Amino acid sequence: MKNYFRLLILTLFTTFILNQANAQNNVAQHKVVVQLNTADTSAWSSTIGNIKNLQKIWPNNVIVEVVVHGKALDLLVVAKTHLANEVIEMSKTNVQFSACENSMRKHQIEKSELLSIANTVPSGVAEVILKQEAGWSYLKAGVN
């Protein structure tokens, strides 16, 4: 009986230690959807800065989708953006840039005019809602 209790205590202790080790290795993966719909280029720069700050706080543990719609589409248009290099570099680090197809039609922008890394979604606002429903955190881009 004494050996049984020793074995039980040893088993419980080992299980506790293994659970603690797993908890330290399983860092939460943060998912953030950013809504960007302004022609204000300072808001574009601010958005990129905010994402870089998130990546500093949670290196390799944050996934970001920037949903670009309305007048912000120029951020992703090759001939109009001044942030192409930053957007392309960020796309290599778990950051996806998605252009709204509704806004593209409204502003007569073709997929071929976008940066090659740009994804498209049928509706920017619907994409934001779908991400939120899937548990993603929401960040509205802009500056005051």
C-alpha atoms as a PDB file:
ATOM      1  CA  MET A   1       0.000   0.000   0.000  1.00  0.00           C
ATOM      2  CA  LYS A   2       2.887   2.322   0.836  1.00  0.00           C
ATOM      3  CA  ASN A   3       4.453   1.723  -2.584  1.00  0.00           C
ATOM      4  CA  TYR A   4       1.104   2.444  -4.250  1.00  0.00           C
ATOM      5  CA  PHE A   5       0.940   5.910  -2.639  1.00  0.00           C
ATOM      6  CA  ARG A   6       4.554   6.629  -3.583  1.00  0.00           C
ATOM      7  CA  LEU A   7       3.814   5.688  -7.174  1.00  0.00           C
ATOM      8  CA  LEU A   8       0.647   7.807  -7.153  1.00  0.00           C
ATOM      9  CA  ILE A   9       2.482  10.831  -5.754  1.00  0.00           C
ATOM     10  CA  LEU A  10       5.335  10.382  -8.241  1.00  0.00           C
ATOM     11  CA  THR A  11       2.859  10.107 -11.121  1.00  0.00           C
ATOM     12  CA  LEU A  12       0.981  13.240 -10.038  1.00  0.00           C
ATOM     13  CA  PHE A  13       4.231  15.161  -9.579  1.00  0.00           C
ATOM     14  CA  THR A  14       5.523  14.098 -13.018  1.00  0.00           C
ATOM     15  CA  THR A  15       2.212  15.043 -14.634  1.00  0.00           C
ATOM     16  CA  PHE A  16       2.343  18.453 -12.956  1.00  0.00           C
ATOM     17  CA  ILE A  17       5.909  19.103 -14.152  1.00  0.00           C
ATOM     18  CA  LEU A  18       5.095  18.042 -17.732  1.00  0.00           C
ATOM     19  CA  ASN A  19       1.971  20.257 -17.795  1.00  0.00           C
ATOM     20  CA  GLN A  20       4.010  23.243 -16.583  1.00  0.00           C
ATOM     21  CA  ALA A  21       6.621  22.658 -19.308  1.00  0.00           C
ATOM     22  CA  ASN A  22       3.910  22.427 -21.980  1.00  0.00           C
ATOM     23  CA  ALA A  23       2.223  25.598 -20.724  1.00  0.00           C
ATOM     24  CA  GLN A  24       5.474  27.529 -21.133  1.00  0.00           C
ATOM     25  CA  ASN A  25       5.981  26.198 -24.676  1.00  0.00           C
ATOM     26  CA  ASN A  26       2.401  26.880 -25.814  1.00  0.00           C
ATOM     27  CA  VAL A  27       2.420  30.655 -26.163  1.00  0.00           C
ATOM     28  CA  ALA A  28      -0.900  32.050 -27.364  1.00  0.00           C
ATOM     29  CA  GLN A  29      -1.142  32.887 -31.045  1.00  0.00           C
ATOM     30  CA  HIS A  30      -2.657  36.363 -31.312  1.00  0.00           C
ATOM     31  CA  LYS A  31      -4.852  37.098 -34.320  1.00  0.00           C
ATOM     32  CA  VAL A  32      -5.604  40.714 -35.203  1.00  0.00           C
ATOM     33  CA  VAL A  33      -7.705  42.110 -38.033  1.00  0.00           C
ATOM     34  CA  VAL A  34      -6.980  45.749 -38.873  1.00  0.00           C
ATOM     35  CA  GLN A  35      -9.543  47.835 -40.747  1.00  0.00           C
ATOM     36  CA  LEU A  36      -7.989  50.562 -42.923  1.00  0.00           C
ATOM     37  CA  ASN A  37     -10.271  52.777 -45.018  1.00  0.00           C
ATOM     38  CA  THR A  38      -8.704  56.215 -45.201  1.00  0.00           C
ATOM     39  CA  ALA A  39      -6.674  58.030 -47.840  1.00  0.00           C
ATOM     40  CA  ASP A  40      -4.665  59.625 -45.008  1.00  0.00           C
ATOM     41  CA  THR A  41      -1.136  58.365 -45.631  1.00  0.00           C
ATOM     42  CA  SER A  42      -0.136  59.129 -42.039  1.00  0.00           C
ATOM     43  CA  ALA A  43      -2.746  56.552 -40.982  1.00  0.00           C
ATOM     44  CA  TRP A  44      -1.104  54.055 -43.342  1.00  0.00           C
ATOM     45  CA  SER A  45       2.294  54.670 -41.733  1.00  0.00           C
ATOM     46  CA  SER A  46       0.757  54.512 -38.268  1.00  0.00           C
ATOM     47  CA  THR A  47      -0.847  51.171 -39.097  1.00  0.00           C
ATOM     48  CA  ILE A  48       2.472  49.720 -40.193  1.00  0.00           C
ATOM     49  CA  GLY A  49       4.084  51.086 -37.020  1.00  0.00           C
ATOM     50  CA  ASN A  50       1.368  49.543 -34.838  1.00  0.00           C
ATOM     51  CA  ILE A  51       1.837  46.158 -36.477  1.00  0.00           C
ATOM     52  CA  LYS A  52       5.616  46.331 -36.016  1.00  0.00           C
ATOM     53  CA  ASN A  53       5.040  47.138 -32.330  1.00  0.00           C
ATOM     54  CA  LEU A  54       2.782  44.081 -31.979  1.00  0.00           C
ATOM     55  CA  GLN A  55       5.486  41.971 -33.593  1.00  0.00           C
ATOM     56  CA  LYS A  56       8.038  43.286 -31.093  1.00  0.00           C
ATOM     57  CA  ILE A  57       5.788  42.391 -28.157  1.00  0.00           C
ATOM     58  CA  TRP A  58       4.766  38.990 -29.564  1.00  0.00           C
ATOM     59  CA  PRO A  59       7.561  37.907 -31.915  1.00  0.00           C
ATOM     60  CA  ASN A  60       6.387  34.974 -34.027  1.00  0.00           C
ATOM     61  CA  ASN A  61       3.091  34.868 -32.091  1.00  0.00           C
ATOM     62  CA  VAL A  62       0.909  37.344 -33.935  1.00  0.00           C
ATOM     63  CA  ILE A  63      -0.987  36.983 -37.193  1.00  0.00           C
ATOM     64  CA  VAL A  64      -2.376  40.148 -38.758  1.00  0.00           C
ATOM     65  CA  GLU A  65      -4.760  40.777 -41.627  1.00  0.00           C
ATOM     66  CA  VAL A  66      -4.997  44.374 -42.809  1.00  0.00           C
ATOM     67  CA  VAL A  67      -8.320  44.787 -44.603  1.00  0.00           C
ATOM     68  CA  VAL A  68      -8.004  47.726 -46.976  1.00  0.00           C
ATOM     69  CA  HIS A  69     -11.133  49.293 -48.440  1.00  0.00           C
ATOM     70  CA  GLY A  70     -12.485  52.623 -49.612  1.00  0.00           C
ATOM     71  CA  LYS A  71      -9.909  55.308 -50.306  1.00  0.00           C
ATOM     72  CA  ALA A  72      -7.202  53.319 -48.534  1.00  0.00           C
ATOM     73  CA  LEU A  73      -6.902  51.049 -51.574  1.00  0.00           C
ATOM     74  CA  ASP A  74      -4.090  53.260 -52.863  1.00  0.00           C
ATOM     75  CA  LEU A  75      -1.879  51.708 -50.174  1.00  0.00           C
ATOM     76  CA  LEU A  76      -1.900  48.529 -52.259  1.00  0.00           C
ATOM     77  CA  VAL A  77      -1.865  50.097 -55.744  1.00  0.00           C
ATOM     78  CA  VAL A  78       1.637  49.835 -57.225  1.00  0.00           C
ATOM     79  CA  ALA A  79       1.467  53.206 -59.018  1.00  0.00           C
ATOM     80  CA  LYS A  80       0.100  55.095 -55.975  1.00  0.00           C
ATOM     81  CA  THR A  81       1.686  53.744 -52.800  1.00  0.00           C
ATOM     82  CA  HIS A  82       4.816  55.103 -51.174  1.00  0.00           C
ATOM     83  CA  LEU A  83       4.938  52.171 -48.753  1.00  0.00           C
ATOM     84  CA  ALA A  84       5.355  49.289 -51.201  1.00  0.00           C
ATOM     85  CA  ASN A  85       8.636  48.088 -49.683  1.00  0.00           C
ATOM     86  CA  GLU A  86       7.233  48.099 -46.142  1.00  0.00           C
ATOM     87  CA  VAL A  87       4.049  46.292 -47.198  1.00  0.00           C
ATOM     88  CA  ILE A  88       6.018  43.659 -49.118  1.00  0.00           C
ATOM     89  CA  GLU A  89       8.419  43.100 -46.202  1.00  0.00           C
ATOM     90  CA  MET A  90       5.561  42.846 -43.713  1.00  0.00           C
ATOM     91  CA  SER A  91       3.820  40.264 -45.886  1.00  0.00           C
ATOM     92  CA  LYS A  92       6.786  37.974 -45.157  1.00  0.00           C
ATOM     93  CA  THR A  93       6.069  38.130 -41.409  1.00  0.00           C
ATOM     94  CA  ASN A  94       2.535  36.769 -40.904  1.00  0.00           C
ATOM     95  CA  VAL A  95       0.879  39.967 -42.141  1.00  0.00           C
ATOM     96  CA  GLN A  96      -1.670  39.683 -44.921  1.00  0.00           C
ATOM     97  CA  PHE A  97      -2.989  42.682 -46.840  1.00  0.00           C
ATOM     98  CA  SER A  98      -6.477  42.203 -48.305  1.00  0.00           C
ATOM     99  CA  ALA A  99      -8.117  44.582 -50.759  1.00  0.00           C
ATOM    100  CA  CYS A 100     -11.897  44.893 -50.902  1.00  0.00           C
ATOM    101  CA  GLU A 101     -13.267  43.869 -54.307  1.00  0.00           C
ATOM    102  CA  ASN A 102     -16.318  46.125 -53.846  1.00  0.00           C
ATOM    103  CA  SER A 103     -14.030  49.131 -53.385  1.00  0.00           C
ATOM    104  CA  MET A 104     -11.863  48.005 -56.292  1.00  0.00           C
ATOM    105  CA  ARG A 105     -14.903  48.053 -58.599  1.00  0.00           C
ATOM    106  CA  LYS A 106     -16.041  51.434 -57.256  1.00  0.00           C
ATOM    107  CA  HIS A 107     -12.600  52.977 -57.797  1.00  0.00           C
ATOM    108  CA  GLN A 108     -11.984  51.053 -61.040  1.00  0.00           C
ATOM    109  CA  ILE A 109      -8.895  49.275 -59.780  1.00  0.00           C
ATOM    110  CA  GLU A 110      -7.922  45.964 -61.329  1.00  0.00           C
ATOM    111  CA  LYS A 111      -6.187  43.137 -59.433  1.00  0.00           C
ATOM    112  CA  SER A 112      -3.214  43.532 -61.782  1.00  0.00           C
ATOM    113  CA  GLU A 113      -2.696  47.075 -60.444  1.00  0.00           C
ATOM    114  CA  LEU A 114      -2.198  45.851 -56.883  1.00  0.00           C
ATOM    115  CA  LEU A 115       1.058  44.831 -55.255  1.00  0.00           C
ATOM    116  CA  SER A 116       1.659  41.169 -56.050  1.00  0.00           C
ATOM    117  CA  ILE A 117       1.380  40.203 -52.373  1.00  0.00           C
ATOM    118  CA  ALA A 118      -2.111  41.698 -52.019  1.00  0.00           C
ATOM    119  CA  ASN A 119      -4.987  39.337 -51.440  1.00  0.00           C
ATOM    120  CA  THR A 120      -8.553  40.290 -52.373  1.00  0.00           C
ATOM    121  CA  VAL A 121     -11.783  39.676 -50.483  1.00  0.00           C
ATOM    122  CA  PRO A 122     -15.330  40.145 -51.798  1.00  0.00           C
ATOM    123  CA  SER A 123     -16.226  42.728 -49.130  1.00  0.00           C
ATOM    124  CA  GLY A 124     -13.856  44.484 -46.750  1.00  0.00           C
ATOM    125  CA  VAL A 125     -16.434  45.079 -44.031  1.00  0.00           C
ATOM    126  CA  ALA A 126     -17.698  41.500 -44.308  1.00  0.00           C
ATOM    127  CA  GLU A 127     -14.115  40.239 -43.956  1.00  0.00           C
ATOM    128  CA  VAL A 128     -13.688  42.250 -40.750  1.00  0.00           C
ATOM    129  CA  ILE A 129     -16.929  40.820 -39.356  1.00  0.00           C
ATOM    130  CA  LEU A 130     -15.986  37.254 -40.308  1.00  0.00           C
ATOM    131  CA  LYS A 131     -12.623  37.599 -38.576  1.00  0.00           C
ATOM    132  CA  GLN A 132     -14.263  38.985 -35.436  1.00  0.00           C
ATOM    133  CA  GLU A 133     -16.782  36.144 -35.428  1.00  0.00           C
ATOM    134  CA  ALA A 134     -13.839  33.739 -35.662  1.00  0.00           C
ATOM    135  CA  GLY A 135     -12.330  35.267 -32.519  1.00  0.00           C
ATOM    136  CA  TRP A 136      -9.841  37.711 -34.025  1.00  0.00           C
ATOM    137  CA  SER A 137      -9.154  40.980 -32.183  1.00  0.00           C
ATOM    138  CA  TYR A 138     -10.200  44.135 -34.018  1.00  0.00           C
ATOM    139  CA  LEU A 139      -8.097  47.245 -34.539  1.00  0.00           C
ATOM    140  CA  LYS A 140      -9.432  50.278 -36.390  1.00  0.00           C
ATOM    141  CA  ALA A 141      -6.588  52.064 -38.170  1.00  0.00           C
ATOM    142  CA  GLY A 142      -6.372  55.817 -38.112  1.00  0.00           C
ATOM    143  CA  VAL A 143      -4.741  58.783 -36.465  1.00  0.00           C
ATOM    144  CA  ASN A 144      -6.152  61.632 -34.413  1.00  0.00           C
END
